[in-house]
Amino acid sequence: MTAVLFAYPKQAQFGRVLPKNKIYEHASPSPALKALFVQQVEQIVWQYKLAPETINLPAKPTVPEIQIFDITLKTPELDHEVLRCIDKAIPFPIIFQLHHDQRIQPIATYKRPNEADSSKWVIDGYFSKGWLPEESTREPLPIALDLQALYEQLLRKLLPLAQREHEPLKEHVERIGQWQSKQNEYQKHQSRLNKEKQFNRKVEINAQLRRLKTELEQLAS
């Protein structure tokens, strides 16, 4: 499944350059993280603001607005800690669009208020389906009744596994987390198998690989 680009409405355009020092003020990054901003990020533009007054959809406590940030990169790779720092500084869900070498990559985390303290946000891992040509066709925004439903649809387009019937977004993201950690486990066992010389140990590792493969298939289905 390849990534999808959306055509954000003109009336939602915000189009303001966001200086890096503004992010530093609100997120207090370490010197090492500031160095990553300098090495990897050319410019950050707060491109669109999807809000009740711009796209006529009601807000929800969990999603009062959705921000679309364009980040022009100096390098083909961006450390996710840079995105995490921006997400910490801006108290709204964000969909990022990375730009490099005439290509674009939508990427985001499932960002939501902390259940114990709603002034804090939960920021997990980042989801992306890779790069697309900059001139790729953009789809109209999904139809939604409110900003939370819109955010969920935008985010699901970035997730590596399809949604199960009636599966809430939180459970969908948790299942992907389990699937990713099983994948890591599978790769570790695979590299152990490649190095193993003893026949009986190989048989043992192969049995573990078969078990993990079954679990991966169950999580992906």
N, C-alpha and C. Protein backbone atom coordinates (compact mmCIF):
# COMPACT_ATOMS: atom_id res chain seq x y z
N MET A 1 0.85 -1.19 0.00
CA MET A 1 0.00 0.00 0.00
C MET A 1 0.89 1.25 0.00
N THR A 2 0.70 2.07 -1.01
CA THR A 2 1.52 3.29 -1.08
C THR A 2 0.85 4.43 -0.32
N ALA A 3 1.62 5.46 -0.09
CA ALA A 3 1.13 6.63 0.64
C ALA A 3 0.09 7.37 -0.20
N VAL A 4 -0.73 8.17 0.48
CA VAL A 4 -1.75 8.99 -0.18
C VAL A 4 -1.47 10.45 0.17
N LEU A 5 -1.57 11.32 -0.83
CA LEU A 5 -1.45 12.76 -0.59
C LEU A 5 -2.84 13.37 -0.67
N PHE A 6 -3.11 14.31 0.23
CA PHE A 6 -4.42 14.96 0.23
C PHE A 6 -4.32 16.40 -0.25
N ALA A 7 -5.38 16.84 -0.91
CA ALA A 7 -5.49 18.24 -1.35
C ALA A 7 -6.17 19.00 -0.21
N TYR A 8 -5.38 19.74 0.54
CA TYR A 8 -5.94 20.50 1.66
C TYR A 8 -6.62 21.76 1.13
N PRO A 9 -7.78 22.13 1.71
CA PRO A 9 -8.55 23.26 1.17
C PRO A 9 -7.79 24.59 1.27
N LYS A 10 -7.95 25.41 0.23
CA LYS A 10 -7.27 26.73 0.18
C LYS A 10 -7.64 27.60 1.37
N GLN A 11 -8.91 27.52 1.80
CA GLN A 11 -9.33 28.38 2.92
C GLN A 11 -8.66 27.99 4.25
N ALA A 12 -8.03 26.79 4.27
CA ALA A 12 -7.33 26.34 5.50
C ALA A 12 -5.84 26.70 5.46
N GLN A 13 -5.40 27.32 4.37
CA GLN A 13 -3.96 27.64 4.24
C GLN A 13 -3.53 28.65 5.30
N PHE A 14 -2.42 28.35 5.95
CA PHE A 14 -1.86 29.20 7.00
C PHE A 14 -0.55 29.80 6.50
N GLY A 15 0.31 28.92 5.94
CA GLY A 15 1.49 29.35 5.20
C GLY A 15 2.50 30.22 5.94
N ARG A 16 2.76 29.89 7.20
CA ARG A 16 3.75 30.69 7.95
C ARG A 16 5.00 29.88 8.25
N VAL A 17 6.15 30.50 7.99
CA VAL A 17 7.42 29.86 8.35
C VAL A 17 7.51 29.81 9.87
N LEU A 18 7.87 28.64 10.39
CA LEU A 18 8.01 28.48 11.84
C LEU A 18 9.50 28.45 12.19
N PRO A 19 10.02 29.51 12.82
CA PRO A 19 11.45 29.53 13.15
C PRO A 19 11.80 28.41 14.14
N LYS A 20 12.98 27.82 13.96
CA LYS A 20 13.40 26.73 14.84
C LYS A 20 13.46 27.18 16.30
N ASN A 21 13.89 28.45 16.53
CA ASN A 21 14.02 28.88 17.93
C ASN A 21 12.68 28.94 18.65
N LYS A 22 11.56 29.10 17.90
CA LYS A 22 10.23 29.07 18.51
C LYS A 22 9.93 27.67 19.05
N ILE A 23 10.37 26.66 18.30
CA ILE A 23 10.19 25.27 18.74
C ILE A 23 11.06 25.02 19.97
N TYR A 24 12.31 25.51 19.92
CA TYR A 24 13.22 25.31 21.06
C TYR A 24 12.63 25.91 22.35
N GLU A 25 11.98 27.08 22.22
CA GLU A 25 11.39 27.76 23.40
C GLU A 25 10.36 26.88 24.10
N HIS A 26 9.59 26.13 23.30
CA HIS A 26 8.48 25.35 23.86
C HIS A 26 8.84 23.90 24.16
N ALA A 27 9.92 23.40 23.57
CA ALA A 27 10.23 21.97 23.75
C ALA A 27 11.56 21.71 24.45
N SER A 28 12.38 22.74 24.67
CA SER A 28 13.68 22.62 25.35
C SER A 28 14.52 21.43 24.89
N PRO A 29 14.87 21.36 23.59
CA PRO A 29 15.67 20.22 23.12
C PRO A 29 17.11 20.26 23.65
N SER A 30 17.74 19.10 23.69
CA SER A 30 19.14 19.01 24.11
C SER A 30 20.03 19.61 23.02
N PRO A 31 21.30 19.95 23.33
CA PRO A 31 22.22 20.44 22.29
C PRO A 31 22.35 19.46 21.11
N ALA A 32 22.33 18.15 21.41
CA ALA A 32 22.45 17.14 20.34
C ALA A 32 21.24 17.20 19.40
N LEU A 33 20.06 17.41 19.98
CA LEU A 33 18.84 17.49 19.16
C LEU A 33 18.81 18.78 18.33
N LYS A 34 19.27 19.88 18.94
CA LYS A 34 19.38 21.14 18.18
C LYS A 34 20.32 20.96 16.98
N ALA A 35 21.39 20.21 17.20
CA ALA A 35 22.35 19.94 16.11
C ALA A 35 21.67 19.17 14.97
N LEU A 36 20.77 18.25 15.30
CA LEU A 36 20.03 17.50 14.26
C LEU A 36 19.14 18.44 13.45
N PHE A 37 18.48 19.39 14.14
CA PHE A 37 17.66 20.39 13.44
C PHE A 37 18.52 21.14 12.42
N VAL A 38 19.70 21.55 12.85
CA VAL A 38 20.60 22.34 11.98
C VAL A 38 21.09 21.49 10.80
N GLN A 39 21.46 20.24 11.08
CA GLN A 39 22.02 19.36 10.03
C GLN A 39 20.96 18.91 9.01
N GLN A 40 19.73 18.65 9.50
CA GLN A 40 18.75 17.95 8.66
C GLN A 40 17.61 18.82 8.14
N VAL A 41 17.31 19.92 8.84
CA VAL A 41 16.11 20.70 8.49
C VAL A 41 16.48 22.04 7.86
N GLU A 42 15.96 22.25 6.64
CA GLU A 42 16.14 23.53 5.94
C GLU A 42 15.11 24.55 6.43
N GLN A 43 13.84 24.15 6.40
CA GLN A 43 12.76 25.10 6.76
C GLN A 43 11.51 24.33 7.21
N ILE A 44 10.79 24.93 8.16
CA ILE A 44 9.51 24.37 8.62
C ILE A 44 8.43 25.40 8.30
N VAL A 45 7.40 24.96 7.59
CA VAL A 45 6.28 25.86 7.27
C VAL A 45 4.99 25.27 7.85
N TRP A 46 4.32 26.08 8.66
CA TRP A 46 2.99 25.73 9.18
C TRP A 46 2.02 25.99 8.03
N GLN A 47 1.74 24.94 7.24
CA GLN A 47 1.11 25.13 5.93
C GLN A 47 -0.41 25.25 5.99
N TYR A 48 -1.05 24.37 6.76
CA TYR A 48 -2.53 24.40 6.85
C TYR A 48 -2.98 24.23 8.29
N LYS A 49 -4.13 24.83 8.56
CA LYS A 49 -4.75 24.72 9.88
C LYS A 49 -6.18 24.24 9.64
N LEU A 50 -6.43 22.97 9.93
CA LEU A 50 -7.76 22.40 9.76
C LEU A 50 -8.50 22.60 11.08
N ALA A 51 -9.46 23.51 11.08
CA ALA A 51 -10.14 23.91 12.31
C ALA A 51 -11.61 24.21 11.99
N PRO A 52 -12.48 24.33 13.02
CA PRO A 52 -13.89 24.62 12.74
C PRO A 52 -14.08 25.84 11.85
N GLU A 53 -13.26 26.89 12.07
CA GLU A 53 -13.45 28.13 11.30
C GLU A 53 -12.87 28.06 9.88
N THR A 54 -12.03 27.04 9.60
CA THR A 54 -11.44 26.97 8.24
C THR A 54 -12.08 25.89 7.37
N ILE A 55 -12.51 24.78 8.00
CA ILE A 55 -13.11 23.72 7.14
C ILE A 55 -14.51 23.33 7.61
N ASN A 56 -15.04 24.11 8.56
CA ASN A 56 -16.44 23.94 8.95
C ASN A 56 -16.77 22.56 9.51
N LEU A 57 -15.82 21.95 10.23
CA LEU A 57 -16.09 20.69 10.94
C LEU A 57 -15.96 20.97 12.43
N PRO A 58 -16.87 20.43 13.25
CA PRO A 58 -16.77 20.69 14.69
C PRO A 58 -15.52 20.07 15.32
N ALA A 59 -14.99 20.76 16.33
CA ALA A 59 -13.83 20.25 17.08
C ALA A 59 -14.30 19.18 18.05
N LYS A 60 -13.35 18.40 18.53
CA LYS A 60 -13.58 17.44 19.62
C LYS A 60 -12.52 17.70 20.69
N PRO A 61 -12.77 17.37 21.96
CA PRO A 61 -11.76 17.63 22.99
C PRO A 61 -10.40 17.01 22.64
N THR A 62 -10.41 15.82 22.03
CA THR A 62 -9.14 15.15 21.67
C THR A 62 -8.50 15.75 20.42
N VAL A 63 -9.33 16.32 19.54
CA VAL A 63 -8.80 16.92 18.29
C VAL A 63 -9.47 18.28 18.07
N PRO A 64 -8.96 19.33 18.75
CA PRO A 64 -9.54 20.67 18.56
C PRO A 64 -9.20 21.26 17.20
N GLU A 65 -8.01 20.92 16.67
CA GLU A 65 -7.56 21.35 15.33
C GLU A 65 -6.59 20.28 14.82
N ILE A 66 -6.34 20.29 13.51
CA ILE A 66 -5.28 19.44 12.92
C ILE A 66 -4.35 20.38 12.16
N GLN A 67 -3.05 20.27 12.41
CA GLN A 67 -2.08 21.11 11.72
C GLN A 67 -1.34 20.29 10.65
N ILE A 68 -1.06 20.93 9.52
CA ILE A 68 -0.26 20.31 8.46
C ILE A 68 1.04 21.10 8.35
N PHE A 69 2.16 20.43 8.62
CA PHE A 69 3.47 21.08 8.59
C PHE A 69 4.28 20.55 7.42
N ASP A 70 4.83 21.46 6.62
CA ASP A 70 5.77 21.09 5.56
C ASP A 70 7.20 21.29 6.07
N ILE A 71 8.02 20.25 5.96
CA ILE A 71 9.42 20.36 6.38
C ILE A 71 10.32 20.08 5.19
N THR A 72 11.06 21.10 4.77
CA THR A 72 12.05 20.93 3.70
C THR A 72 13.35 20.43 4.34
N LEU A 73 13.86 19.32 3.83
CA LEU A 73 15.04 18.69 4.42
C LEU A 73 16.31 19.01 3.65
N LYS A 74 17.42 19.02 4.39
CA LYS A 74 18.75 19.14 3.76
C LYS A 74 19.28 17.76 3.40
N THR A 75 18.76 16.73 4.07
CA THR A 75 19.25 15.34 3.90
C THR A 75 18.06 14.45 3.56
N PRO A 76 18.30 13.27 2.94
CA PRO A 76 17.17 12.39 2.59
C PRO A 76 16.50 11.77 3.82
N GLU A 77 17.23 11.71 4.94
CA GLU A 77 16.69 11.10 6.16
C GLU A 77 16.42 12.19 7.21
N LEU A 78 15.37 11.96 8.00
CA LEU A 78 15.09 12.86 9.13
C LEU A 78 14.95 12.02 10.39
N ASP A 79 15.72 12.36 11.41
CA ASP A 79 15.61 11.66 12.69
C ASP A 79 14.23 11.93 13.29
N HIS A 80 13.54 10.89 13.71
CA HIS A 80 12.18 11.06 14.25
C HIS A 80 12.16 11.88 15.53
N GLU A 81 13.31 12.00 16.21
CA GLU A 81 13.37 12.84 17.41
C GLU A 81 13.09 14.31 17.07
N VAL A 82 13.42 14.71 15.85
CA VAL A 82 13.12 16.08 15.39
C VAL A 82 11.60 16.27 15.34
N LEU A 83 10.90 15.30 14.75
CA LEU A 83 9.43 15.37 14.68
C LEU A 83 8.83 15.35 16.08
N ARG A 84 9.38 14.48 16.94
CA ARG A 84 8.88 14.36 18.31
C ARG A 84 9.01 15.71 19.06
N CYS A 85 10.11 16.40 18.80
CA CYS A 85 10.35 17.70 19.42
C CYS A 85 9.30 18.73 18.96
N ILE A 86 8.99 18.73 17.66
CA ILE A 86 7.97 19.65 17.12
C ILE A 86 6.59 19.30 17.71
N ASP A 87 6.31 17.98 17.76
CA ASP A 87 5.04 17.54 18.33
C ASP A 87 4.89 17.95 19.80
N LYS A 88 6.01 17.94 20.54
CA LYS A 88 5.97 18.37 21.94
C LYS A 88 5.69 19.88 22.05
N ALA A 89 6.18 20.64 21.08
CA ALA A 89 6.06 22.11 21.13
C ALA A 89 4.67 22.60 20.72
N ILE A 90 3.98 21.82 19.89
CA ILE A 90 2.68 22.27 19.33
C ILE A 90 1.56 21.41 19.91
N PRO A 91 0.62 22.00 20.69
CA PRO A 91 -0.40 21.20 21.38
C PRO A 91 -1.60 20.81 20.52
N PHE A 92 -1.34 20.31 19.32
CA PHE A 92 -2.40 19.82 18.42
C PHE A 92 -1.85 18.63 17.64
N PRO A 93 -2.74 17.75 17.17
CA PRO A 93 -2.27 16.71 16.25
C PRO A 93 -1.69 17.33 14.97
N ILE A 94 -0.60 16.73 14.48
CA ILE A 94 0.10 17.26 13.29
C ILE A 94 0.30 16.15 12.27
N ILE A 95 0.03 16.47 11.01
CA ILE A 95 0.45 15.62 9.89
C ILE A 95 1.62 16.35 9.23
N PHE A 96 2.78 15.70 9.18
CA PHE A 96 3.96 16.30 8.55
C PHE A 96 4.05 15.88 7.09
N GLN A 97 4.53 16.79 6.24
CA GLN A 97 4.88 16.48 4.85
C GLN A 97 6.35 16.83 4.68
N LEU A 98 7.20 15.79 4.55
CA LEU A 98 8.64 16.02 4.36
C LEU A 98 8.91 16.23 2.88
N HIS A 99 9.80 17.15 2.55
CA HIS A 99 10.15 17.45 1.16
C HIS A 99 11.66 17.32 0.97
N HIS A 100 12.06 16.56 -0.05
CA HIS A 100 13.48 16.47 -0.38
C HIS A 100 13.62 15.97 -1.81
N ASP A 101 14.42 16.69 -2.60
CA ASP A 101 14.79 16.22 -3.95
C ASP A 101 13.56 15.88 -4.82
N GLN A 102 12.63 16.84 -4.89
CA GLN A 102 11.39 16.69 -5.68
C GLN A 102 10.51 15.51 -5.23
N ARG A 103 10.67 15.12 -3.97
CA ARG A 103 9.83 14.05 -3.44
C ARG A 103 9.16 14.53 -2.15
N ILE A 104 8.07 13.85 -1.80
CA ILE A 104 7.31 14.23 -0.61
C ILE A 104 6.95 12.97 0.17
N GLN A 105 6.98 13.09 1.50
CA GLN A 105 6.64 11.94 2.35
C GLN A 105 5.73 12.39 3.50
N PRO A 106 4.45 11.96 3.49
CA PRO A 106 3.60 12.24 4.65
C PRO A 106 4.00 11.32 5.81
N ILE A 107 4.02 11.87 7.03
CA ILE A 107 4.42 11.09 8.20
C ILE A 107 3.75 11.69 9.44
N ALA A 108 3.35 10.84 10.38
CA ALA A 108 2.70 11.33 11.60
C ALA A 108 2.74 10.26 12.67
N THR A 109 2.52 10.69 13.92
CA THR A 109 2.32 9.78 15.04
C THR A 109 0.87 9.88 15.48
N TYR A 110 0.40 8.86 16.18
CA TYR A 110 -0.95 8.95 16.76
C TYR A 110 -0.83 9.77 18.04
N LYS A 111 -1.17 11.05 17.94
CA LYS A 111 -1.00 12.01 19.04
C LYS A 111 -2.35 12.26 19.68
N ARG A 112 -2.39 12.09 21.00
CA ARG A 112 -3.66 12.23 21.72
C ARG A 112 -3.41 12.73 23.14
N PRO A 113 -4.40 13.38 23.76
CA PRO A 113 -4.20 13.85 25.14
C PRO A 113 -3.97 12.67 26.09
N ASN A 114 -3.09 12.88 27.05
CA ASN A 114 -2.81 11.88 28.08
C ASN A 114 -4.07 11.71 28.95
N GLU A 115 -4.49 10.46 29.17
CA GLU A 115 -5.73 10.23 29.94
C GLU A 115 -5.59 10.70 31.38
N ALA A 116 -4.38 10.61 31.94
CA ALA A 116 -4.17 11.02 33.34
C ALA A 116 -4.02 12.54 33.48
N ASP A 117 -3.50 13.18 32.43
CA ASP A 117 -3.27 14.64 32.48
C ASP A 117 -3.49 15.21 31.08
N SER A 118 -4.70 15.77 30.86
CA SER A 118 -5.08 16.19 29.51
C SER A 118 -4.26 17.38 28.99
N SER A 119 -3.44 18.00 29.86
CA SER A 119 -2.57 19.08 29.37
C SER A 119 -1.32 18.52 28.68
N LYS A 120 -1.11 17.20 28.83
CA LYS A 120 0.05 16.56 28.19
C LYS A 120 -0.44 15.68 27.05
N TRP A 121 0.43 15.47 26.06
CA TRP A 121 0.07 14.67 24.89
C TRP A 121 0.88 13.37 24.85
N VAL A 122 0.23 12.30 24.41
CA VAL A 122 0.92 11.02 24.19
C VAL A 122 1.45 11.04 22.76
N ILE A 123 2.76 10.79 22.63
CA ILE A 123 3.41 10.77 21.31
C ILE A 123 4.11 9.42 21.16
N ASP A 124 3.61 8.58 20.24
CA ASP A 124 4.18 7.24 20.04
C ASP A 124 5.19 7.27 18.89
N GLY A 125 5.31 6.11 18.22
CA GLY A 125 6.19 6.02 17.04
C GLY A 125 5.56 6.70 15.84
N TYR A 126 6.36 6.88 14.80
CA TYR A 126 5.90 7.59 13.59
C TYR A 126 5.58 6.60 12.47
N PHE A 127 4.54 6.94 11.70
CA PHE A 127 4.08 6.08 10.61
C PHE A 127 4.22 6.81 9.28
N SER A 128 4.75 6.08 8.31
CA SER A 128 4.88 6.64 6.96
C SER A 128 4.94 5.48 5.98
N LYS A 129 4.52 5.73 4.75
CA LYS A 129 4.63 4.70 3.71
C LYS A 129 5.67 5.08 2.66
N GLY A 130 6.58 5.99 3.04
CA GLY A 130 7.69 6.31 2.15
C GLY A 130 7.44 7.50 1.24
N TRP A 131 8.36 7.68 0.31
CA TRP A 131 8.38 8.87 -0.55
C TRP A 131 7.51 8.71 -1.79
N LEU A 132 6.98 9.84 -2.25
CA LEU A 132 6.22 9.92 -3.50
C LEU A 132 6.79 11.07 -4.33
N PRO A 133 6.62 11.04 -5.66
CA PRO A 133 7.02 12.22 -6.44
C PRO A 133 6.20 13.44 -6.00
N GLU A 134 6.86 14.59 -5.96
CA GLU A 134 6.22 15.84 -5.51
C GLU A 134 4.94 16.16 -6.30
N GLU A 135 4.93 15.79 -7.59
CA GLU A 135 3.77 16.15 -8.44
C GLU A 135 2.68 15.07 -8.42
N SER A 136 2.75 14.13 -7.48
CA SER A 136 1.72 13.07 -7.38
C SER A 136 0.32 13.68 -7.24
N THR A 137 -0.66 12.98 -7.77
CA THR A 137 -2.06 13.43 -7.67
C THR A 137 -2.50 13.44 -6.21
N ARG A 138 -3.22 14.49 -5.85
CA ARG A 138 -3.73 14.59 -4.48
C ARG A 138 -5.23 14.26 -4.46
N GLU A 139 -5.63 13.54 -3.43
CA GLU A 139 -7.04 13.16 -3.28
C GLU A 139 -7.77 14.20 -2.44
N PRO A 140 -9.09 14.34 -2.64
CA PRO A 140 -9.85 15.24 -1.76
C PRO A 140 -9.84 14.69 -0.33
N LEU A 141 -10.02 15.56 0.65
CA LEU A 141 -10.05 15.12 2.05
C LEU A 141 -11.17 14.10 2.25
N PRO A 142 -10.96 13.10 3.11
CA PRO A 142 -12.03 12.13 3.39
C PRO A 142 -13.25 12.84 4.00
N ILE A 143 -14.41 12.28 3.77
CA ILE A 143 -15.64 12.85 4.33
C ILE A 143 -15.70 12.45 5.81
N ALA A 144 -15.93 13.43 6.69
CA ALA A 144 -15.98 13.17 8.13
C ALA A 144 -16.97 14.12 8.78
N LEU A 145 -17.50 13.69 9.93
CA LEU A 145 -18.51 14.50 10.65
C LEU A 145 -17.87 15.48 11.62
N ASP A 146 -16.61 15.22 12.03
CA ASP A 146 -15.92 16.12 12.95
C ASP A 146 -14.42 15.97 12.76
N LEU A 147 -13.65 16.81 13.46
CA LEU A 147 -12.19 16.83 13.27
C LEU A 147 -11.52 15.55 13.77
N GLN A 148 -12.08 14.94 14.81
CA GLN A 148 -11.49 13.69 15.30
C GLN A 148 -11.62 12.59 14.25
N ALA A 149 -12.81 12.48 13.65
CA ALA A 149 -13.03 11.45 12.61
C ALA A 149 -12.13 11.71 11.40
N LEU A 150 -11.94 12.99 11.06
CA LEU A 150 -11.06 13.34 9.94
C LEU A 150 -9.61 12.95 10.26
N TYR A 151 -9.15 13.29 11.48
CA TYR A 151 -7.78 12.97 11.89
C TYR A 151 -7.54 11.46 11.83
N GLU A 152 -8.52 10.69 12.32
CA GLU A 152 -8.37 9.22 12.31
C GLU A 152 -8.22 8.70 10.89
N GLN A 153 -9.00 9.26 9.96
CA GLN A 153 -8.91 8.81 8.56
C GLN A 153 -7.57 9.20 7.93
N LEU A 154 -7.10 10.41 8.21
CA LEU A 154 -5.80 10.86 7.67
C LEU A 154 -4.67 9.97 8.19
N LEU A 155 -4.75 9.64 9.49
CA LEU A 155 -3.70 8.84 10.11
C LEU A 155 -3.73 7.39 9.61
N ARG A 156 -4.92 6.83 9.48
CA ARG A 156 -5.02 5.43 9.04
C ARG A 156 -4.40 5.22 7.66
N LYS A 157 -4.39 6.27 6.84
CA LYS A 157 -3.78 6.16 5.50
C LYS A 157 -2.27 5.96 5.59
N LEU A 158 -1.67 6.24 6.76
CA LEU A 158 -0.22 6.09 6.94
C LEU A 158 0.15 4.78 7.63
N LEU A 159 -0.85 4.05 8.13
CA LEU A 159 -0.56 2.85 8.92
C LEU A 159 -0.22 1.66 8.02
N PRO A 160 0.74 0.81 8.45
CA PRO A 160 1.21 -0.28 7.58
C PRO A 160 0.26 -1.47 7.50
N LEU A 161 -0.68 -1.61 8.45
CA LEU A 161 -1.64 -2.72 8.41
C LEU A 161 -3.05 -2.16 8.26
N ALA A 162 -3.88 -2.86 7.49
CA ALA A 162 -5.25 -2.41 7.29
C ALA A 162 -6.06 -2.52 8.58
N GLN A 163 -7.07 -1.70 8.69
CA GLN A 163 -7.96 -1.71 9.85
C GLN A 163 -8.84 -2.96 9.80
N ARG A 164 -9.04 -3.59 10.96
CA ARG A 164 -10.03 -4.66 11.06
C ARG A 164 -11.42 -4.03 11.18
N GLU A 165 -12.45 -4.80 10.92
CA GLU A 165 -13.81 -4.26 10.97
C GLU A 165 -14.12 -3.69 12.36
N HIS A 166 -14.58 -2.46 12.40
CA HIS A 166 -14.96 -1.74 13.64
C HIS A 166 -13.80 -1.60 14.64
N GLU A 167 -12.57 -1.70 14.19
CA GLU A 167 -11.42 -1.61 15.11
C GLU A 167 -11.13 -0.15 15.45
N PRO A 168 -11.21 0.23 16.74
CA PRO A 168 -10.88 1.62 17.10
C PRO A 168 -9.41 1.93 16.77
N LEU A 169 -9.13 3.20 16.52
CA LEU A 169 -7.77 3.61 16.13
C LEU A 169 -6.74 3.20 17.18
N LYS A 170 -7.05 3.39 18.46
CA LYS A 170 -6.10 3.07 19.54
C LYS A 170 -5.69 1.59 19.46
N GLU A 171 -6.68 0.70 19.28
CA GLU A 171 -6.40 -0.74 19.19
C GLU A 171 -5.63 -1.07 17.91
N HIS A 172 -5.97 -0.39 16.84
CA HIS A 172 -5.29 -0.56 15.55
C HIS A 172 -3.79 -0.24 15.71
N VAL A 173 -3.50 0.89 16.36
CA VAL A 173 -2.11 1.32 16.57
C VAL A 173 -1.38 0.36 17.51
N GLU A 174 -2.07 -0.11 18.55
CA GLU A 174 -1.46 -1.07 19.49
C GLU A 174 -1.11 -2.39 18.78
N ARG A 175 -2.01 -2.84 17.92
CA ARG A 175 -1.76 -4.09 17.16
C ARG A 175 -0.53 -3.93 16.25
N ILE A 176 -0.40 -2.75 15.64
CA ILE A 176 0.77 -2.48 14.79
C ILE A 176 2.05 -2.50 15.63
N GLY A 177 1.98 -1.96 16.85
CA GLY A 177 3.13 -1.97 17.76
C GLY A 177 3.56 -3.40 18.08
N GLN A 178 2.59 -4.27 18.34
CA GLN A 178 2.89 -5.69 18.62
C GLN A 178 3.50 -6.35 17.39
N TRP A 179 2.91 -6.06 16.23
CA TRP A 179 3.39 -6.64 14.96
C TRP A 179 4.84 -6.20 14.69
N GLN A 180 5.14 -4.92 14.95
CA GLN A 180 6.51 -4.41 14.71
C GLN A 180 7.51 -5.06 15.66
N SER A 181 7.10 -5.25 16.94
CA SER A 181 8.06 -5.85 17.88
C SER A 181 8.27 -7.33 17.57
N LYS A 182 7.23 -8.02 17.07
CA LYS A 182 7.40 -9.43 16.63
C LYS A 182 8.31 -9.50 15.40
N GLN A 183 8.18 -8.51 14.52
CA GLN A 183 9.06 -8.47 13.33
C GLN A 183 10.52 -8.35 13.73
N ASN A 184 10.78 -7.47 14.73
CA ASN A 184 12.15 -7.30 15.23
C ASN A 184 12.67 -8.61 15.82
N GLU A 185 11.80 -9.28 16.58
CA GLU A 185 12.15 -10.57 17.18
C GLU A 185 12.48 -11.59 16.08
N TYR A 186 11.64 -11.60 15.03
CA TYR A 186 11.83 -12.53 13.91
C TYR A 186 13.20 -12.29 13.25
N GLN A 187 13.53 -11.02 13.02
CA GLN A 187 14.81 -10.69 12.38
C GLN A 187 16.01 -11.11 13.23
N LYS A 188 15.88 -10.94 14.57
CA LYS A 188 16.96 -11.35 15.48
C LYS A 188 17.17 -12.87 15.41
N HIS A 189 16.06 -13.61 15.43
CA HIS A 189 16.15 -15.08 15.33
C HIS A 189 16.75 -15.50 13.99
N GLN A 190 16.34 -14.78 12.92
CA GLN A 190 16.84 -15.10 11.57
C GLN A 190 18.36 -14.91 11.52
N SER A 191 18.87 -13.82 12.11
CA SER A 191 20.32 -13.59 12.06
C SER A 191 21.06 -14.60 12.96
N ARG A 192 20.41 -15.03 14.07
CA ARG A 192 21.02 -16.08 14.90
C ARG A 192 21.11 -17.39 14.13
N LEU A 193 20.04 -17.70 13.37
CA LEU A 193 20.02 -18.93 12.56
C LEU A 193 21.15 -18.93 11.54
N ASN A 194 21.36 -17.77 10.91
CA ASN A 194 22.40 -17.67 9.87
C ASN A 194 23.80 -17.89 10.44
N LYS A 195 23.99 -17.57 11.74
CA LYS A 195 25.32 -17.72 12.36
C LYS A 195 25.50 -19.09 13.04
N GLU A 196 24.37 -19.75 13.36
CA GLU A 196 24.43 -20.99 14.13
C GLU A 196 25.05 -22.15 13.35
N LYS A 197 25.93 -22.90 14.01
CA LYS A 197 26.60 -24.05 13.36
C LYS A 197 25.97 -25.38 13.81
N GLN A 198 25.52 -25.44 15.07
CA GLN A 198 25.01 -26.71 15.61
C GLN A 198 23.62 -27.05 15.06
N PHE A 199 23.47 -28.29 14.60
CA PHE A 199 22.23 -28.73 13.97
C PHE A 199 21.03 -28.64 14.92
N ASN A 200 21.20 -29.15 16.18
CA ASN A 200 20.06 -29.16 17.11
C ASN A 200 19.60 -27.75 17.48
N ARG A 201 20.56 -26.78 17.55
CA ARG A 201 20.21 -25.38 17.82
C ARG A 201 19.47 -24.79 16.62
N LYS A 202 19.88 -25.18 15.41
CA LYS A 202 19.19 -24.69 14.20
C LYS A 202 17.73 -25.14 14.19
N VAL A 203 17.51 -26.39 14.57
CA VAL A 203 16.14 -26.94 14.62
C VAL A 203 15.29 -26.12 15.61
N GLU A 204 15.89 -25.83 16.76
CA GLU A 204 15.22 -25.04 17.81
C GLU A 204 14.84 -23.64 17.30
N ILE A 205 15.82 -22.97 16.66
CA ILE A 205 15.58 -21.60 16.15
C ILE A 205 14.52 -21.63 15.05
N ASN A 206 14.57 -22.65 14.19
CA ASN A 206 13.57 -22.78 13.11
C ASN A 206 12.16 -22.90 13.68
N ALA A 207 12.03 -23.64 14.78
CA ALA A 207 10.71 -23.80 15.42
C ALA A 207 10.22 -22.45 15.95
N GLN A 208 11.14 -21.67 16.54
CA GLN A 208 10.79 -20.33 17.04
C GLN A 208 10.38 -19.41 15.88
N LEU A 209 11.10 -19.51 14.75
CA LEU A 209 10.77 -18.69 13.57
C LEU A 209 9.38 -19.03 13.04
N ARG A 210 9.05 -20.32 13.03
CA ARG A 210 7.72 -20.74 12.55
C ARG A 210 6.61 -20.18 13.45
N ARG A 211 6.86 -20.24 14.78
CA ARG A 211 5.89 -19.71 15.74
C ARG A 211 5.70 -18.20 15.53
N LEU A 212 6.82 -17.48 15.38
CA LEU A 212 6.75 -16.02 15.18
C LEU A 212 6.05 -15.67 13.87
N LYS A 213 6.30 -16.49 12.83
CA LYS A 213 5.67 -16.23 11.51
C LYS A 213 4.14 -16.35 11.64
N THR A 214 3.68 -17.36 12.37
CA THR A 214 2.23 -17.56 12.59
C THR A 214 1.66 -16.36 13.35
N GLU A 215 2.38 -15.92 14.41
CA GLU A 215 1.90 -14.78 15.19
C GLU A 215 1.85 -13.51 14.36
N LEU A 216 2.85 -13.31 13.49
CA LEU A 216 2.88 -12.13 12.60
C LEU A 216 1.69 -12.16 11.65
N GLU A 217 1.40 -13.34 11.09
CA GLU A 217 0.27 -13.46 10.15
C GLU A 217 -1.05 -13.16 10.85
N GLN A 218 -1.19 -13.64 12.12
CA GLN A 218 -2.42 -13.38 12.87
C GLN A 218 -2.60 -11.89 13.16
N LEU A 219 -1.49 -11.21 13.52
CA LEU A 219 -1.56 -9.78 13.81
C LEU A 219 -1.84 -8.96 12.55
N ALA A 220 -1.35 -9.45 11.40
CA ALA A 220 -1.51 -8.69 10.14
C ALA A 220 -2.88 -8.90 9.50
N SER A 221 -3.58 -9.97 9.91
CA SER A 221 -4.85 -10.29 9.21
C SER A 221 -6.01 -9.50 9.78
